[in-house]
């Protein structure tokens, strides 16, 4: 039995909540992945009502690691994708699922990384037109201080 099949059997009970979900680790397809050894496989929630699936993480067989998205990360992604639609997951049920996922992967000597979003928008914010970013100002200040120090040292000679 391959890893994805074992995972899917372990999590066959699904995720309960306003919308019931089937929990699935995708299987790699095609010869380019050497039978899955080089594939990044996704952990996703597949709603039983036929609506859109939600990717909640990814697993790397080679690195023996799994990335799992926090509820905050999923809310941010859902808000960006569905523009104001209600978030379909029960937070307590999702936290229980995350705990089960962590136990499952850690018991198989995998590294578990939780992915979270620090800001409401995942898109990088560009500086306003005509403004100078703080890092550019900091570099200019440091260079100016270095020039002043060299000039002062030369004046003392």
Foldseek 3Di string as FASTA:
>chain_A
DDPQVVVQVVQQVAFDFPFTWRWGWDFDDDPVCVRVQQDKTFIWTQTPVRDDIGTQWIAHNNQLAIEGEQPQASVLVCCVVVPPDDDGHDNVSVVVVVVVVCCVSVVVVGHYHYDYDPDSDPDDDDDDPPDDDPVVVVVVVVVVVVVVVVVVVVVVD
